[in-house]
Protein backbone atom coordinates (compact mmCIF):
# COMPACT_ATOMS: atom_id res chain seq x y z
CA GLU A 1 8.76 38.50 94.40
CA GLN A 2 6.36 40.30 92.17
CA ASN A 3 8.09 41.40 88.68
CA ARG A 4 6.61 44.95 87.99
CA ALA A 5 8.37 46.97 85.08
CA ASN A 6 7.34 50.16 83.19
CA LEU A 7 7.54 51.19 79.30
CA ILE A 8 7.04 55.33 80.00
CA SER A 9 7.97 58.05 77.27
CA VAL A 10 9.49 61.14 78.00
CA THR A 11 7.06 63.43 75.96
CA GLU A 12 3.72 63.84 76.93
CA TYR A 13 2.10 63.19 73.88
CA GLY A 14 -1.51 65.17 72.60
CA ASP A 15 -3.76 63.41 69.87
CA ALA A 16 -2.09 60.37 69.10
CA ASP A 17 -3.31 57.16 67.22
CA VAL A 18 -1.61 53.93 69.50
CA SER A 19 -1.11 50.33 67.99
CA PHE A 20 0.23 47.25 69.62
CA ASP A 21 0.27 43.74 70.38
CA PHE A 22 -0.41 41.96 73.88
CA MET A 23 -0.37 38.57 75.34
CA MET A 24 -2.37 38.34 78.29
CA ALA A 25 -1.61 35.22 80.83
CA LYS A 26 -4.27 33.68 82.89
CA HIS A 27 -5.72 36.11 85.77
CA SER A 28 -2.99 38.44 85.10
CA ASN A 29 -3.62 42.26 85.00
CA SER A 30 -1.90 45.88 83.55
CA GLY A 31 -2.85 48.39 82.26
CA PHE A 32 -1.20 51.24 79.58
CA TYR A 33 -0.96 54.67 80.29
CA LEU A 34 -2.34 57.75 78.06
CA GLN A 35 -0.62 61.37 79.15
CA GLY A 36 0.11 59.47 82.28
CA ARG A 37 -3.50 59.49 83.69
CA TYR A 38 -5.75 57.41 81.19
CA GLU A 39 -5.11 54.03 82.09
CA VAL A 40 -6.45 51.89 79.58
CA GLN A 41 -6.96 48.46 81.22
CA LEU A 42 -5.33 45.40 79.93
CA LEU A 43 -6.96 42.22 82.03
CA ASP A 44 -7.91 38.68 81.20
CA SER A 45 -11.49 39.57 80.70
CA TRP A 46 -12.30 36.16 78.35
CA GLY A 47 -15.42 34.58 79.01
CA VAL A 48 -16.46 38.27 80.72
CA LYS A 49 -20.56 38.87 79.67
CA ASN A 50 -20.96 42.59 80.79
CA PRO A 51 -17.66 44.05 80.92
CA SER A 52 -17.10 47.05 83.55
CA PHE A 53 -14.61 50.06 83.44
CA GLY A 54 -12.09 47.10 85.46
CA ASP A 55 -12.27 44.85 82.20
CA CYS A 56 -9.82 44.43 79.04
CA GLY A 57 -10.03 47.79 77.18
CA GLY A 58 -11.73 49.90 79.63
CA ILE A 59 -10.80 52.87 80.93
CA TYR A 60 -9.92 52.17 84.60
CA LYS A 61 -11.46 54.80 86.96
CA ARG A 62 -9.13 55.35 89.96
CA ARG A 63 -6.26 57.11 88.58
CA LYS A 64 -6.24 60.01 90.63
CA LEU A 65 -5.54 63.63 88.92
CA PRO A 66 -3.23 66.15 90.34
CA SER A 67 -6.11 67.76 91.77
CA GLY A 68 -6.75 64.60 94.01
CA GLU A 69 -9.81 63.97 92.39
CA LEU A 70 -10.56 60.37 90.58
CA PHE A 71 -12.20 60.58 87.23
CA ASP A 72 -15.06 58.63 85.50
CA GLY A 73 -13.87 55.15 83.91
CA SER A 74 -15.68 53.88 81.09
CA ALA A 75 -16.95 50.48 80.42
CA PRO A 76 -15.73 48.52 76.82
CA ARG A 77 -18.98 49.09 74.47
CA ILE A 78 -18.21 44.68 74.29
CA ASN A 79 -15.49 42.06 75.22
CA ALA A 80 -13.35 41.47 72.16
CA CYS A 81 -11.00 39.81 74.61
CA LEU A 82 -9.39 35.88 73.56
CA ALA A 83 -8.52 33.35 75.67
CA PRO A 84 -5.26 33.80 77.95
CA GLY A 85 -2.48 33.04 76.28
CA LEU A 86 -3.46 34.17 72.40
CA TRP A 87 -1.94 37.09 70.89
CA GLN A 88 -4.04 40.05 70.51
CA HIS A 89 -4.84 43.58 68.87
CA LEU A 90 -5.72 46.97 70.24
CA GLU A 91 -5.69 50.18 68.71
CA ILE A 92 -6.55 53.57 70.28
CA SER A 93 -7.60 56.91 69.08
CA PHE A 94 -7.29 59.41 71.51
CA GLN A 95 -8.00 62.54 71.91
CA GLY A 96 -6.08 64.69 74.18
CA ALA A 97 -7.14 66.73 76.76
CA SER A 98 -5.94 70.28 76.98
CA ARG A 99 -3.74 70.99 79.89
CA GLN A 100 -6.41 73.87 80.46
CA ALA A 101 -8.94 70.76 81.25
CA TRP A 102 -7.39 69.18 84.50
């Protein structure tokens, strides 16, 4: 059985500075959503030499917009992930898109 739980805010924030600690188990995969549309990937990316949008810290590109279109993803600049089982810290400075943009 898979245990899937989501923490979702009721308010849809615009610009935000978010800071949190997380721990990844070996081969685990999760994500942190901003505005319900932009997923910051949380993945066991320990040892990945050339990270892509699907690695930890990347903006995942397969989230569908209300129009049904996909938005472009973005790879992290570097792989700063620690080994599985260690606490990691992530800071996100997010500039929200205006509703007119989507």
